[in-house]
Structure formats: structure tokens, C-alpha cells
């Protein structure tokens, strides 16, 4: 009896593994930083690349964890500044995926770790002799201005093509404030969240 239960359990565990597919993906990020008071945000084009593992569970349902190198950020403009932020992340989406015919929908959480950040444009570069802010064109590292962790929700749709190729689009909506500038509060606190639209192509390896 115990042997039978073990065999059944191993069969249930090995079934998704037998149908698992590894793959590679990459594409375009169109990103902005939202939520900052007194500044207008606009989108900037970046990119992402990564690998994924699709484990088919039951019928059309699958789980797809991924590992990506993804660049986010955007442009922020006010009466005194106009600069671009470029944020380099290591991201791990863990998505549920439902496929009906050639069409699939996917959604789930994404966890990101900031690797580095840069800012360039018209920035505050110091103080004038009278104590007022001094501005100039500048390009500088800005990793310390942003929190290391980013938590997002992901939703998207896609289309399976011939030859194990697929195309898809996603919205990655940041949930937590990523700004890490000190000594600011209330209405002047520049709260920032990532928002990224992704368009990607993917290639799967393995047996369908």
C-alpha cells in the first residue's frame, strides 16, 4: 500500500516536470516613474532580457517563474529640472499562465532588486554662494537615491506562434515607493513607483 502511494505521488510530481519548458525572452520596456508631486513624468524606452521555466499543471494552467535583467526609469520634468532616470533591476516574476488555443493570459507578482541607477540632464548640482540651489547639466550615479527592493504586479496577454516562438505584452505596475531621498515628508515627499509596459518575443525549448 505504501509503495503504491509513493508511486502515485512520484507520478503526480513528475508529470509537470515532463511537460516543463525552458525558454529565453527579451524585448522592449516603455517605462515611467509615477507619483512625484510637482513634476510631470514621461516615458522612456529601455529593454529587458531573461530566461523562464514553464511548468504545466492542469489542462491549460501553468506556472511560469522567470529571471530577468530589466531596465526601468523615465523622464521627470519640473520648472527647474529636466532629467532622465535609468534603473537597472534583477527581477523575478512568478506568473500563473492560462492558454486557450494560441492565446494566453498571464499574471502574478514580481520581485525586483536594484543593481544600479543613473540620472542625467538638468539637475541640482549644489548650492550657490547665497545658499540657493545651483543647477547644471549633469550625469551621475544615483543608486543611493532609490530603495533596493521593488514589488510589482504583472498582467499580460500573448500569442503562441509556430516553431515554439511567442509574442506578448505586459503591464508591470509597481506597488511600493522606491524613492530613498531622506528628510522629505508630506506633500513634498517625492514618492515614486515604477510603471513599465513590456513587449517581448520568447523562444521555448523542450517538448510541448
N, C-alpha and C. Protein backbone atom coordinates (compact mmCIF):
# COMPACT_ATOMS: atom_id res chain seq x y z
N UNK A 1 0.83 -1.20 0.00
CA UNK A 1 0.00 0.00 0.00
C UNK A 1 0.87 1.26 0.00
N UNK A 2 1.91 1.25 0.88
CA UNK A 2 2.80 2.40 0.94
C UNK A 2 3.53 2.60 -0.38
N UNK A 3 3.97 1.46 -0.98
CA UNK A 3 4.66 1.56 -2.26
C UNK A 3 3.75 2.16 -3.32
N UNK A 4 2.48 1.77 -3.31
CA UNK A 4 1.53 2.29 -4.29
C UNK A 4 1.35 3.80 -4.12
N UNK A 5 1.23 4.25 -2.87
CA UNK A 5 1.08 5.68 -2.61
C UNK A 5 2.31 6.46 -3.06
N UNK A 6 3.49 5.90 -2.80
CA UNK A 6 4.73 6.56 -3.22
C UNK A 6 4.80 6.67 -4.74
N UNK A 7 4.42 5.59 -5.42
CA UNK A 7 4.43 5.59 -6.89
C UNK A 7 3.47 6.63 -7.44
N UNK A 8 2.26 6.70 -6.85
CA UNK A 8 1.27 7.68 -7.30
C UNK A 8 1.78 9.10 -7.08
N UNK A 9 2.37 9.34 -5.90
CA UNK A 9 2.89 10.67 -5.58
C UNK A 9 4.00 11.08 -6.52
N UNK A 10 4.92 10.16 -6.78
CA UNK A 10 6.02 10.46 -7.70
C UNK A 10 5.50 10.72 -9.11
N UNK A 11 4.49 9.99 -9.51
CA UNK A 11 3.89 10.20 -10.84
C UNK A 11 3.27 11.58 -10.94
N UNK A 12 2.58 12.01 -9.86
CA UNK A 12 1.96 13.33 -9.87
C UNK A 12 3.01 14.44 -9.91
N UNK A 13 4.12 14.24 -9.22
CA UNK A 13 5.17 15.25 -9.20
C UNK A 13 5.96 15.29 -10.49
N UNK A 14 6.12 14.12 -11.12
CA UNK A 14 6.94 14.07 -12.33
C UNK A 14 6.17 14.52 -13.57
N UNK A 15 4.84 14.51 -13.52
CA UNK A 15 4.05 14.90 -14.69
C UNK A 15 4.31 16.33 -15.11
N UNK A 16 4.27 17.32 -14.17
CA UNK A 16 4.60 18.68 -14.58
C UNK A 16 6.03 18.82 -15.07
N UNK A 17 6.96 18.06 -14.46
CA UNK A 17 8.35 18.14 -14.89
C UNK A 17 8.52 17.66 -16.32
N UNK A 18 7.76 16.59 -16.67
CA UNK A 18 7.87 16.05 -18.02
C UNK A 18 7.35 17.03 -19.05
N UNK A 19 6.42 17.92 -18.64
CA UNK A 19 5.84 18.88 -19.56
C UNK A 19 6.48 20.26 -19.44
N UNK A 20 7.52 20.36 -18.64
CA UNK A 20 8.14 21.66 -18.39
C UNK A 20 8.90 22.13 -19.62
N UNK A 21 8.94 23.44 -19.77
CA UNK A 21 9.66 24.05 -20.89
C UNK A 21 10.52 25.19 -20.37
N UNK A 22 11.78 25.15 -20.75
CA UNK A 22 12.67 26.28 -20.52
C UNK A 22 12.62 27.18 -21.74
N UNK A 23 12.98 28.44 -21.55
CA UNK A 23 12.98 29.34 -22.69
C UNK A 23 13.77 30.60 -22.41
N UNK A 24 13.95 31.38 -23.48
CA UNK A 24 14.62 32.67 -23.39
C UNK A 24 13.68 33.72 -23.95
N UNK A 25 13.82 34.94 -23.45
CA UNK A 25 12.93 36.02 -23.89
C UNK A 25 13.64 37.35 -23.81
N UNK A 26 13.12 38.32 -24.52
CA UNK A 26 13.67 39.66 -24.48
C UNK A 26 12.78 40.61 -25.23
N UNK A 27 12.91 41.89 -24.93
CA UNK A 27 12.07 42.85 -25.63
C UNK A 27 12.23 44.26 -25.12
N UNK A 28 11.22 45.06 -25.42
CA UNK A 28 11.21 46.49 -25.18
C UNK A 28 10.50 46.82 -23.87
N UNK A 29 11.08 47.70 -23.08
CA UNK A 29 10.43 48.31 -21.92
C UNK A 29 10.10 49.76 -22.25
N UNK A 30 8.86 50.16 -22.04
CA UNK A 30 8.48 51.57 -22.12
C UNK A 30 8.07 51.97 -20.70
N UNK A 31 8.92 52.76 -20.04
CA UNK A 31 8.81 52.92 -18.59
C UNK A 31 8.65 54.38 -18.19
N UNK A 32 8.00 54.57 -17.03
CA UNK A 32 7.93 55.89 -16.40
C UNK A 32 7.95 55.73 -14.89
N UNK A 33 8.26 56.82 -14.21
CA UNK A 33 8.20 56.90 -12.76
C UNK A 33 6.99 57.75 -12.39
N UNK A 34 6.09 57.21 -11.59
CA UNK A 34 4.85 57.90 -11.27
C UNK A 34 4.81 58.33 -9.81
N UNK A 35 3.97 59.33 -9.53
CA UNK A 35 3.66 59.69 -8.15
C UNK A 35 4.41 60.87 -7.59
N UNK A 36 5.24 61.52 -8.37
CA UNK A 36 6.03 62.63 -7.82
C UNK A 36 5.25 63.94 -7.93
N UNK A 37 5.07 64.61 -6.80
CA UNK A 37 4.34 65.87 -6.77
C UNK A 37 5.17 66.98 -7.42
N UNK A 38 4.51 67.81 -8.26
CA UNK A 38 5.17 68.98 -8.81
C UNK A 38 6.03 68.71 -10.03
N UNK A 39 6.04 67.47 -10.52
CA UNK A 39 6.83 67.15 -11.70
C UNK A 39 5.99 66.33 -12.65
N UNK A 40 6.17 66.55 -13.94
CA UNK A 40 5.47 65.77 -14.94
C UNK A 40 6.36 64.62 -15.38
N UNK A 41 5.76 63.45 -15.54
CA UNK A 41 6.51 62.25 -15.91
C UNK A 41 6.23 61.91 -17.37
N UNK A 42 7.23 61.40 -18.03
CA UNK A 42 7.05 60.90 -19.39
C UNK A 42 7.85 59.61 -19.56
N UNK A 43 7.45 58.84 -20.57
CA UNK A 43 8.02 57.51 -20.76
C UNK A 43 9.37 57.58 -21.47
N UNK A 44 10.20 56.59 -21.15
CA UNK A 44 11.47 56.37 -21.83
C UNK A 44 11.55 54.91 -22.26
N UNK A 45 12.25 54.67 -23.36
CA UNK A 45 12.39 53.30 -23.88
C UNK A 45 13.65 52.65 -23.33
N UNK A 46 13.47 51.42 -22.82
CA UNK A 46 14.58 50.63 -22.30
C UNK A 46 14.42 49.20 -22.83
N UNK A 47 14.95 48.22 -22.11
CA UNK A 47 14.90 46.84 -22.60
C UNK A 47 14.91 45.86 -21.44
N UNK A 48 14.62 44.60 -21.75
CA UNK A 48 14.75 43.51 -20.77
C UNK A 48 15.13 42.23 -21.50
N UNK A 49 15.87 41.36 -20.82
CA UNK A 49 16.23 40.03 -21.33
C UNK A 49 16.13 39.06 -20.16
N UNK A 50 15.86 37.79 -20.46
CA UNK A 50 15.75 36.83 -19.37
C UNK A 50 15.52 35.41 -19.82
N UNK A 51 15.35 34.54 -18.84
CA UNK A 51 15.03 33.14 -19.07
C UNK A 51 13.80 32.80 -18.24
N UNK A 52 13.10 31.73 -18.64
CA UNK A 52 11.91 31.33 -17.90
C UNK A 52 11.78 29.81 -17.90
N UNK A 53 10.91 29.36 -17.01
CA UNK A 53 10.64 27.93 -16.83
C UNK A 53 9.13 27.77 -16.71
N UNK A 54 8.52 27.12 -17.69
CA UNK A 54 7.07 26.93 -17.67
C UNK A 54 6.74 25.50 -17.27
N UNK A 55 6.03 25.34 -16.16
CA UNK A 55 5.60 24.03 -15.68
C UNK A 55 4.09 23.91 -15.85
N UNK A 56 3.65 23.04 -16.75
CA UNK A 56 2.23 22.83 -16.97
C UNK A 56 1.64 22.04 -15.81
N UNK A 57 0.56 22.54 -15.24
CA UNK A 57 -0.03 21.93 -14.06
C UNK A 57 -1.24 21.08 -14.39
N UNK A 58 -2.29 21.72 -14.87
CA UNK A 58 -3.54 21.01 -15.13
C UNK A 58 -4.25 21.67 -16.30
N UNK A 59 -4.45 20.90 -17.37
CA UNK A 59 -5.12 21.45 -18.54
C UNK A 59 -4.39 22.65 -19.09
N UNK A 60 -5.09 23.79 -19.20
CA UNK A 60 -4.45 24.98 -19.78
C UNK A 60 -3.65 25.81 -18.78
N UNK A 61 -3.57 25.36 -17.53
CA UNK A 61 -2.96 26.17 -16.46
C UNK A 61 -1.50 25.80 -16.28
N UNK A 62 -0.66 26.81 -16.17
CA UNK A 62 0.78 26.60 -15.95
C UNK A 62 1.30 27.66 -14.98
N UNK A 63 2.44 27.35 -14.38
CA UNK A 63 3.18 28.32 -13.56
C UNK A 63 4.48 28.64 -14.29
N UNK A 64 4.80 29.93 -14.36
CA UNK A 64 6.00 30.34 -15.10
C UNK A 64 6.84 31.32 -14.28
N UNK A 65 7.83 30.83 -13.55
CA UNK A 65 8.80 31.73 -12.92
C UNK A 65 9.84 32.18 -13.95
N UNK A 66 10.35 33.38 -13.77
CA UNK A 66 11.32 33.95 -14.70
C UNK A 66 12.44 34.64 -13.93
N UNK A 67 13.55 34.81 -14.60
CA UNK A 67 14.67 35.62 -14.10
C UNK A 67 15.03 36.60 -15.21
N UNK A 68 15.04 37.90 -14.89
CA UNK A 68 15.26 38.90 -15.92
C UNK A 68 16.27 39.96 -15.47
N UNK A 69 16.94 40.52 -16.46
CA UNK A 69 17.66 41.78 -16.30
C UNK A 69 16.81 42.83 -16.99
N UNK A 70 16.30 43.79 -16.24
CA UNK A 70 15.31 44.71 -16.78
C UNK A 70 15.66 46.14 -16.39
N UNK A 71 15.54 47.05 -17.36
CA UNK A 71 15.86 48.46 -17.13
C UNK A 71 14.55 49.26 -17.11
N UNK A 72 14.35 50.01 -16.02
CA UNK A 72 13.17 50.86 -15.87
C UNK A 72 13.63 52.30 -15.67
N UNK A 73 12.68 53.17 -15.31
CA UNK A 73 13.02 54.58 -15.09
C UNK A 73 12.05 55.49 -15.80
N UNK A 74 12.57 56.58 -16.37
CA UNK A 74 11.72 57.52 -17.08
C UNK A 74 12.28 58.92 -16.99
N UNK A 75 11.50 59.87 -17.52
CA UNK A 75 11.87 61.28 -17.50
C UNK A 75 10.98 62.03 -16.53
N UNK A 76 11.57 62.90 -15.72
CA UNK A 76 10.83 63.77 -14.81
C UNK A 76 11.21 65.22 -15.10
N UNK A 77 10.18 66.07 -15.19
CA UNK A 77 10.40 67.46 -15.58
C UNK A 77 9.62 68.38 -14.67
N UNK A 78 10.27 69.45 -14.23
CA UNK A 78 9.61 70.50 -13.45
C UNK A 78 10.07 71.85 -13.99
N UNK A 79 9.72 72.91 -13.28
CA UNK A 79 10.13 74.24 -13.73
C UNK A 79 11.64 74.41 -13.66
N UNK A 80 12.31 73.60 -12.83
CA UNK A 80 13.74 73.78 -12.61
C UNK A 80 14.59 72.60 -13.05
N UNK A 81 13.98 71.46 -13.28
CA UNK A 81 14.75 70.26 -13.63
C UNK A 81 14.12 69.55 -14.82
N UNK A 82 14.96 68.84 -15.53
CA UNK A 82 14.50 68.00 -16.64
C UNK A 82 15.55 66.91 -16.79
N UNK A 83 15.26 65.73 -16.25
CA UNK A 83 16.29 64.70 -16.21
C UNK A 83 15.70 63.31 -16.41
N UNK A 84 16.57 62.41 -16.85
CA UNK A 84 16.21 61.01 -17.06
C UNK A 84 16.80 60.16 -15.93
N UNK A 85 16.01 59.20 -15.48
CA UNK A 85 16.49 58.21 -14.51
C UNK A 85 16.51 56.85 -15.19
N UNK A 86 17.58 56.12 -14.98
CA UNK A 86 17.75 54.78 -15.57
C UNK A 86 18.06 53.81 -14.44
N UNK A 87 17.12 52.88 -14.20
CA UNK A 87 17.22 51.96 -13.07
C UNK A 87 17.39 50.54 -13.58
N UNK A 88 18.48 49.91 -13.18
CA UNK A 88 18.80 48.56 -13.63
C UNK A 88 18.41 47.56 -12.54
N UNK A 89 17.52 46.62 -12.89
CA UNK A 89 16.97 45.67 -11.92
C UNK A 89 17.26 44.23 -12.30
N UNK A 90 17.41 43.41 -11.27
CA UNK A 90 17.30 41.96 -11.38
C UNK A 90 15.89 41.62 -10.91
N UNK A 91 15.05 41.08 -11.80
CA UNK A 91 13.64 40.86 -11.47
C UNK A 91 13.29 39.37 -11.56
N UNK A 92 12.34 38.98 -10.71
CA UNK A 92 11.85 37.59 -10.68
C UNK A 92 10.32 37.61 -10.69
N UNK A 93 9.70 37.57 -11.88
CA UNK A 93 8.25 37.39 -11.94
C UNK A 93 7.89 35.93 -11.68
N UNK A 94 6.80 35.69 -10.96
CA UNK A 94 6.26 34.34 -10.76
C UNK A 94 4.81 34.40 -11.20
N UNK A 95 4.53 33.87 -12.39
CA UNK A 95 3.26 34.12 -13.05
C UNK A 95 2.43 32.85 -13.20
N UNK A 96 1.12 33.00 -13.04
CA UNK A 96 0.17 31.98 -13.46
C UNK A 96 -0.18 32.24 -14.92
N UNK A 97 -0.28 31.18 -15.70
CA UNK A 97 -0.48 31.32 -17.14
C UNK A 97 -1.59 30.39 -17.59
N UNK A 98 -2.55 30.92 -18.34
CA UNK A 98 -3.66 30.13 -18.87
C UNK A 98 -3.65 30.26 -20.39
N UNK A 99 -3.60 29.12 -21.09
CA UNK A 99 -3.52 29.11 -22.54
C UNK A 99 -4.77 28.48 -23.12
N UNK A 100 -5.40 29.19 -24.05
CA UNK A 100 -6.57 28.68 -24.77
C UNK A 100 -6.28 28.82 -26.25
N UNK A 101 -6.04 27.69 -26.92
CA UNK A 101 -5.62 27.74 -28.31
C UNK A 101 -4.27 28.41 -28.41
N UNK A 102 -4.11 29.36 -29.33
CA UNK A 102 -2.82 30.05 -29.44
C UNK A 102 -2.68 31.25 -28.50
N UNK A 103 -3.74 31.58 -27.78
CA UNK A 103 -3.75 32.79 -26.95
C UNK A 103 -3.51 32.42 -25.48
N UNK A 104 -2.72 33.23 -24.79
CA UNK A 104 -2.51 33.01 -23.37
C UNK A 104 -2.62 34.33 -22.61
N UNK A 105 -3.04 34.20 -21.35
CA UNK A 105 -3.04 35.34 -20.42
C UNK A 105 -2.17 34.95 -19.23
N UNK A 106 -1.55 35.93 -18.61
CA UNK A 106 -0.62 35.65 -17.51
C UNK A 106 -0.68 36.76 -16.48
N UNK A 107 -0.42 36.41 -15.24
CA UNK A 107 -0.43 37.41 -14.20
C UNK A 107 0.16 36.88 -12.91
N UNK A 108 0.65 37.80 -12.07
CA UNK A 108 1.22 37.41 -10.79
C UNK A 108 2.15 38.47 -10.25
N UNK A 109 2.84 38.18 -9.16
CA UNK A 109 3.76 39.14 -8.55
C UNK A 109 5.13 39.15 -9.22
N UNK A 110 5.83 40.23 -9.04
CA UNK A 110 7.22 40.33 -9.49
C UNK A 110 8.04 40.98 -8.38
N UNK A 111 9.20 40.40 -8.12
CA UNK A 111 10.11 40.91 -7.11
C UNK A 111 11.37 41.43 -7.81
N UNK A 112 11.79 42.64 -7.48
CA UNK A 112 12.94 43.23 -8.13
C UNK A 112 13.97 43.72 -7.14
N UNK A 113 15.25 43.61 -7.52
CA UNK A 113 16.37 44.13 -6.72
C UNK A 113 17.14 45.12 -7.59
N UNK A 114 17.29 46.33 -7.10
CA UNK A 114 18.01 47.36 -7.85
C UNK A 114 19.51 47.05 -7.87
N UNK A 115 20.07 46.99 -9.07
CA UNK A 115 21.51 46.75 -9.22
C UNK A 115 22.29 48.06 -9.30
N UNK A 116 21.76 49.01 -10.07
CA UNK A 116 22.42 50.31 -10.20
C UNK A 116 21.41 51.31 -10.76
N UNK A 117 21.74 52.59 -10.62
CA UNK A 117 20.88 53.65 -11.14
C UNK A 117 21.74 54.83 -11.57
N UNK A 118 21.28 55.52 -12.61
CA UNK A 118 21.96 56.71 -13.11
C UNK A 118 20.93 57.78 -13.42
N UNK A 119 21.33 59.04 -13.27
CA UNK A 119 20.49 60.17 -13.65
C UNK A 119 21.31 61.12 -14.50
N UNK A 120 20.64 61.71 -15.50
CA UNK A 120 21.33 62.66 -16.37
C UNK A 120 20.33 63.72 -16.83
N UNK A 121 20.85 64.92 -17.09
CA UNK A 121 20.01 66.02 -17.53
C UNK A 121 20.29 67.26 -16.72
N UNK A 122 19.27 68.11 -16.59
CA UNK A 122 19.39 69.33 -15.79
C UNK A 122 19.05 68.98 -14.36
N UNK A 123 20.06 68.97 -13.50
CA UNK A 123 19.91 68.53 -12.12
C UNK A 123 20.46 69.58 -11.16
N UNK A 124 20.03 69.48 -9.90
CA UNK A 124 20.65 70.30 -8.87
C UNK A 124 22.04 69.74 -8.58
N UNK A 125 23.07 70.56 -8.79
CA UNK A 125 24.45 70.10 -8.64
C UNK A 125 25.12 70.65 -7.38
N UNK A 126 24.41 71.48 -6.65
CA UNK A 126 24.98 72.04 -5.43
C UNK A 126 24.25 73.30 -5.02
N UNK A 127 24.94 74.13 -4.24
CA UNK A 127 24.36 75.38 -3.76
C UNK A 127 25.21 76.56 -4.22
N UNK A 128 24.53 77.63 -4.58
CA UNK A 128 25.22 78.87 -4.93
C UNK A 128 25.73 79.54 -3.66
N UNK A 129 26.63 80.53 -3.79
CA UNK A 129 27.16 81.22 -2.59
C UNK A 129 26.08 81.79 -1.68
N UNK A 130 24.94 82.18 -2.25
CA UNK A 130 23.87 82.73 -1.42
C UNK A 130 22.98 81.66 -0.82
N UNK A 131 23.31 80.39 -1.04
CA UNK A 131 22.56 79.29 -0.45
C UNK A 131 21.42 78.76 -1.29
N UNK A 132 21.16 79.38 -2.43
CA UNK A 132 20.10 78.88 -3.30
C UNK A 132 20.61 77.70 -4.13
N UNK A 133 19.71 76.82 -4.60
CA UNK A 133 20.15 75.68 -5.40
C UNK A 133 20.81 76.11 -6.69
N UNK A 134 21.86 75.42 -7.06
CA UNK A 134 22.56 75.66 -8.33
C UNK A 134 22.29 74.48 -9.25
N UNK A 135 21.96 74.76 -10.51
CA UNK A 135 21.60 73.72 -11.46
C UNK A 135 22.58 73.71 -12.63
N UNK A 136 22.73 72.55 -13.22
CA UNK A 136 23.58 72.41 -14.39
C UNK A 136 23.34 71.08 -15.04
N UNK A 137 23.87 70.92 -16.23
CA UNK A 137 23.78 69.63 -16.91
C UNK A 137 24.72 68.65 -16.23
N UNK A 138 24.20 67.49 -15.91
CA UNK A 138 24.99 66.57 -15.10
C UNK A 138 24.59 65.14 -15.44
N UNK A 139 25.51 64.24 -15.22
CA UNK A 139 25.25 62.80 -15.34
C UNK A 139 25.99 62.13 -14.19
N UNK A 140 25.24 61.37 -13.38
CA UNK A 140 25.86 60.84 -12.17
C UNK A 140 25.19 59.56 -11.72
N UNK A 141 25.92 58.74 -10.95
CA UNK A 141 25.29 57.56 -10.33
C UNK A 141 24.23 58.02 -9.33
N UNK A 142 23.15 57.23 -9.24
CA UNK A 142 22.06 57.62 -8.34
C UNK A 142 21.50 56.41 -7.59
N UNK A 143 22.31 55.38 -7.44
CA UNK A 143 21.82 54.17 -6.78
C UNK A 143 21.34 54.47 -5.36
N UNK A 144 22.04 55.36 -4.66
CA UNK A 144 21.67 55.68 -3.29
C UNK A 144 20.38 56.46 -3.16
N UNK A 145 19.83 56.96 -4.26
CA UNK A 145 18.59 57.73 -4.21
C UNK A 145 17.34 56.85 -4.30
N UNK A 146 17.55 55.54 -4.50
CA UNK A 146 16.42 54.63 -4.69
C UNK A 146 16.54 53.43 -3.76
N UNK A 147 15.40 52.93 -3.32
CA UNK A 147 15.38 51.74 -2.49
C UNK A 147 15.79 50.53 -3.30
N UNK A 148 16.38 49.55 -2.63
CA UNK A 148 16.89 48.38 -3.33
C UNK A 148 15.79 47.44 -3.79
N UNK A 149 14.68 47.39 -3.05
CA UNK A 149 13.62 46.44 -3.38
C UNK A 149 12.46 47.09 -4.12
N UNK A 150 11.88 46.33 -5.05
CA UNK A 150 10.71 46.79 -5.81
C UNK A 150 9.74 45.63 -5.93
N UNK A 151 8.49 45.85 -5.52
CA UNK A 151 7.46 44.82 -5.62
C UNK A 151 6.38 45.30 -6.58
N UNK A 152 6.03 44.45 -7.55
CA UNK A 152 5.09 44.84 -8.61
C UNK A 152 4.08 43.74 -8.85
N UNK A 153 2.99 44.13 -9.52
CA UNK A 153 2.03 43.18 -10.06
C UNK A 153 2.14 43.20 -11.57
N UNK A 154 2.05 42.02 -12.18
CA UNK A 154 2.23 41.86 -13.62
C UNK A 154 0.96 41.27 -14.23
N UNK A 155 0.54 41.81 -15.35
CA UNK A 155 -0.56 41.24 -16.11
C UNK A 155 -0.27 41.36 -17.59
N UNK A 156 -0.63 40.33 -18.36
CA UNK A 156 -0.33 40.40 -19.78
C UNK A 156 -1.07 39.38 -20.61
N UNK A 157 -0.94 39.53 -21.92
CA UNK A 157 -1.53 38.61 -22.89
C UNK A 157 -0.47 38.31 -23.95
N UNK A 158 -0.66 37.20 -24.65
CA UNK A 158 0.30 36.83 -25.68
C UNK A 158 -0.27 35.86 -26.68
N UNK A 159 0.54 35.56 -27.67
CA UNK A 159 0.13 34.69 -28.78
C UNK A 159 1.25 33.72 -29.09
N UNK A 160 0.91 32.43 -29.09
CA UNK A 160 1.88 31.40 -29.47
C UNK A 160 1.96 31.31 -30.99
N UNK A 161 3.18 31.23 -31.50
CA UNK A 161 3.42 31.15 -32.94
C UNK A 161 4.05 29.80 -33.27
N UNK A 162 4.26 29.57 -34.55
CA UNK A 162 4.90 28.33 -34.98
C UNK A 162 6.36 28.31 -34.54
N UNK A 163 6.89 27.09 -34.39
CA UNK A 163 8.30 26.94 -34.06
C UNK A 163 8.66 27.28 -32.63
N UNK A 164 7.71 27.14 -31.70
CA UNK A 164 7.94 27.42 -30.28
C UNK A 164 8.22 28.88 -29.98
N UNK A 165 7.89 29.76 -30.91
CA UNK A 165 8.01 31.19 -30.66
C UNK A 165 6.70 31.74 -30.10
N UNK A 166 6.80 32.83 -29.36
CA UNK A 166 5.60 33.52 -28.89
C UNK A 166 5.89 35.01 -28.77
N UNK A 167 4.83 35.79 -28.86
CA UNK A 167 4.90 37.23 -28.68
C UNK A 167 3.94 37.63 -27.57
N UNK A 168 4.30 38.64 -26.79
CA UNK A 168 3.43 39.04 -25.70
C UNK A 168 3.62 40.48 -25.29
N UNK A 169 2.67 40.94 -24.50
CA UNK A 169 2.73 42.28 -23.93
C UNK A 169 2.31 42.24 -22.48
N UNK A 170 2.93 43.07 -21.66
CA UNK A 170 2.65 43.09 -20.22
C UNK A 170 2.62 44.51 -19.69
N UNK A 171 1.88 44.66 -18.59
CA UNK A 171 1.98 45.86 -17.76
C UNK A 171 2.57 45.44 -16.42
N UNK A 172 3.65 46.10 -16.02
CA UNK A 172 4.28 45.86 -14.72
C UNK A 172 4.04 47.11 -13.88
N UNK A 173 3.18 46.98 -12.87
CA UNK A 173 2.78 48.13 -12.05
C UNK A 173 3.44 48.03 -10.68
N UNK A 174 4.33 48.96 -10.38
CA UNK A 174 4.99 48.97 -9.08
C UNK A 174 4.03 49.33 -7.96
N UNK A 175 4.17 48.66 -6.82
CA UNK A 175 3.28 48.88 -5.68
C UNK A 175 3.93 49.67 -4.55
N UNK A 176 5.24 49.61 -4.43
CA UNK A 176 5.89 50.28 -3.30
C UNK A 176 6.66 51.51 -3.75
N UNK A 177 6.83 52.44 -2.82
CA UNK A 177 7.60 53.65 -3.06
C UNK A 177 9.08 53.29 -3.17
N UNK A 178 9.70 53.63 -4.29
CA UNK A 178 11.11 53.28 -4.49
C UNK A 178 12.05 54.44 -4.18
N UNK A 179 11.50 55.62 -3.90
CA UNK A 179 12.35 56.76 -3.58
C UNK A 179 13.04 56.58 -2.23
N UNK A 180 14.31 56.96 -2.15
CA UNK A 180 15.04 56.81 -0.89
C UNK A 180 15.76 58.10 -0.51
N UNK A 181 15.20 59.24 -0.94
CA UNK A 181 15.76 60.53 -0.55
C UNK A 181 15.33 60.84 0.87
N UNK A 182 16.25 61.26 1.70
CA UNK A 182 15.98 61.47 3.12
C UNK A 182 15.43 62.88 3.39
N UNK A 183 14.87 63.03 4.58
CA UNK A 183 14.46 64.32 5.14
C UNK A 183 13.36 65.02 4.35
N UNK A 184 12.53 64.27 3.67
CA UNK A 184 11.39 64.83 2.97
C UNK A 184 10.14 64.13 3.46
N UNK A 185 9.06 64.88 3.61
CA UNK A 185 7.84 64.26 4.13
C UNK A 185 6.63 65.00 3.61
N UNK A 186 5.47 64.38 3.81
CA UNK A 186 4.21 65.01 3.44
C UNK A 186 4.11 65.27 1.97
N UNK A 187 3.55 66.45 1.61
CA UNK A 187 3.28 66.76 0.21
C UNK A 187 4.57 66.91 -0.59
N UNK A 188 5.67 67.26 0.07
CA UNK A 188 6.94 67.44 -0.63
C UNK A 188 7.72 66.14 -0.79
N UNK A 189 7.21 65.06 -0.24
CA UNK A 189 7.90 63.78 -0.33
C UNK A 189 7.73 63.23 -1.75
N UNK A 190 8.82 63.12 -2.53
CA UNK A 190 8.70 62.66 -3.91
C UNK A 190 8.53 61.15 -4.01
N UNK A 191 7.34 60.69 -3.73
CA UNK A 191 7.09 59.25 -3.79
C UNK A 191 7.12 58.80 -5.25
N UNK A 192 7.80 57.71 -5.48
CA UNK A 192 7.98 57.21 -6.85
C UNK A 192 7.61 55.74 -6.93
N UNK A 193 6.94 55.38 -8.01
CA UNK A 193 6.65 53.99 -8.30
C UNK A 193 6.98 53.71 -9.77
N UNK A 194 7.43 52.49 -10.02
CA UNK A 194 7.72 52.09 -11.40
C UNK A 194 6.44 51.72 -12.13
N UNK A 195 6.37 52.06 -13.39
CA UNK A 195 5.34 51.56 -14.28
C UNK A 195 6.02 51.23 -15.61
N UNK A 196 5.87 49.99 -16.06
CA UNK A 196 6.58 49.54 -17.25
C UNK A 196 5.62 48.77 -18.15
N UNK A 197 5.55 49.17 -19.42
CA UNK A 197 4.88 48.38 -20.44
C UNK A 197 5.95 47.59 -21.19
N UNK A 198 5.75 46.28 -21.30
CA UNK A 198 6.72 45.42 -21.96
C UNK A 198 6.12 44.77 -23.20
N UNK A 199 6.90 44.73 -24.25
CA UNK A 199 6.59 43.95 -25.45
C UNK A 199 7.76 43.01 -25.67
N UNK A 200 7.49 41.72 -25.83
CA UNK A 200 8.59 40.77 -25.86
C UNK A 200 8.35 39.65 -26.87
N UNK A 201 9.46 39.01 -27.25
CA UNK A 201 9.45 37.77 -28.03
C UNK A 201 10.11 36.70 -27.18
N UNK A 202 9.59 35.47 -27.27
CA UNK A 202 10.13 34.37 -26.47
C UNK A 202 10.30 33.13 -27.34
N UNK A 203 11.28 32.33 -26.97
CA UNK A 203 11.53 31.05 -27.63
C UNK A 203 11.62 29.98 -26.57
N UNK A 204 10.78 28.95 -26.69
CA UNK A 204 10.75 27.85 -25.73
C UNK A 204 11.51 26.66 -26.27
N UNK A 205 12.16 25.95 -25.34
CA UNK A 205 12.85 24.71 -25.66
C UNK A 205 12.17 23.57 -24.93
N UNK A 206 12.17 22.40 -25.51
CA UNK A 206 11.57 21.25 -24.83
C UNK A 206 10.32 20.79 -25.52
N UNK A 207 9.79 19.72 -25.00
CA UNK A 207 8.63 19.06 -25.59
C UNK A 207 7.36 19.72 -25.12
N UNK A 208 6.44 19.99 -26.03
CA UNK A 208 5.16 20.57 -25.67
C UNK A 208 4.24 19.51 -25.09
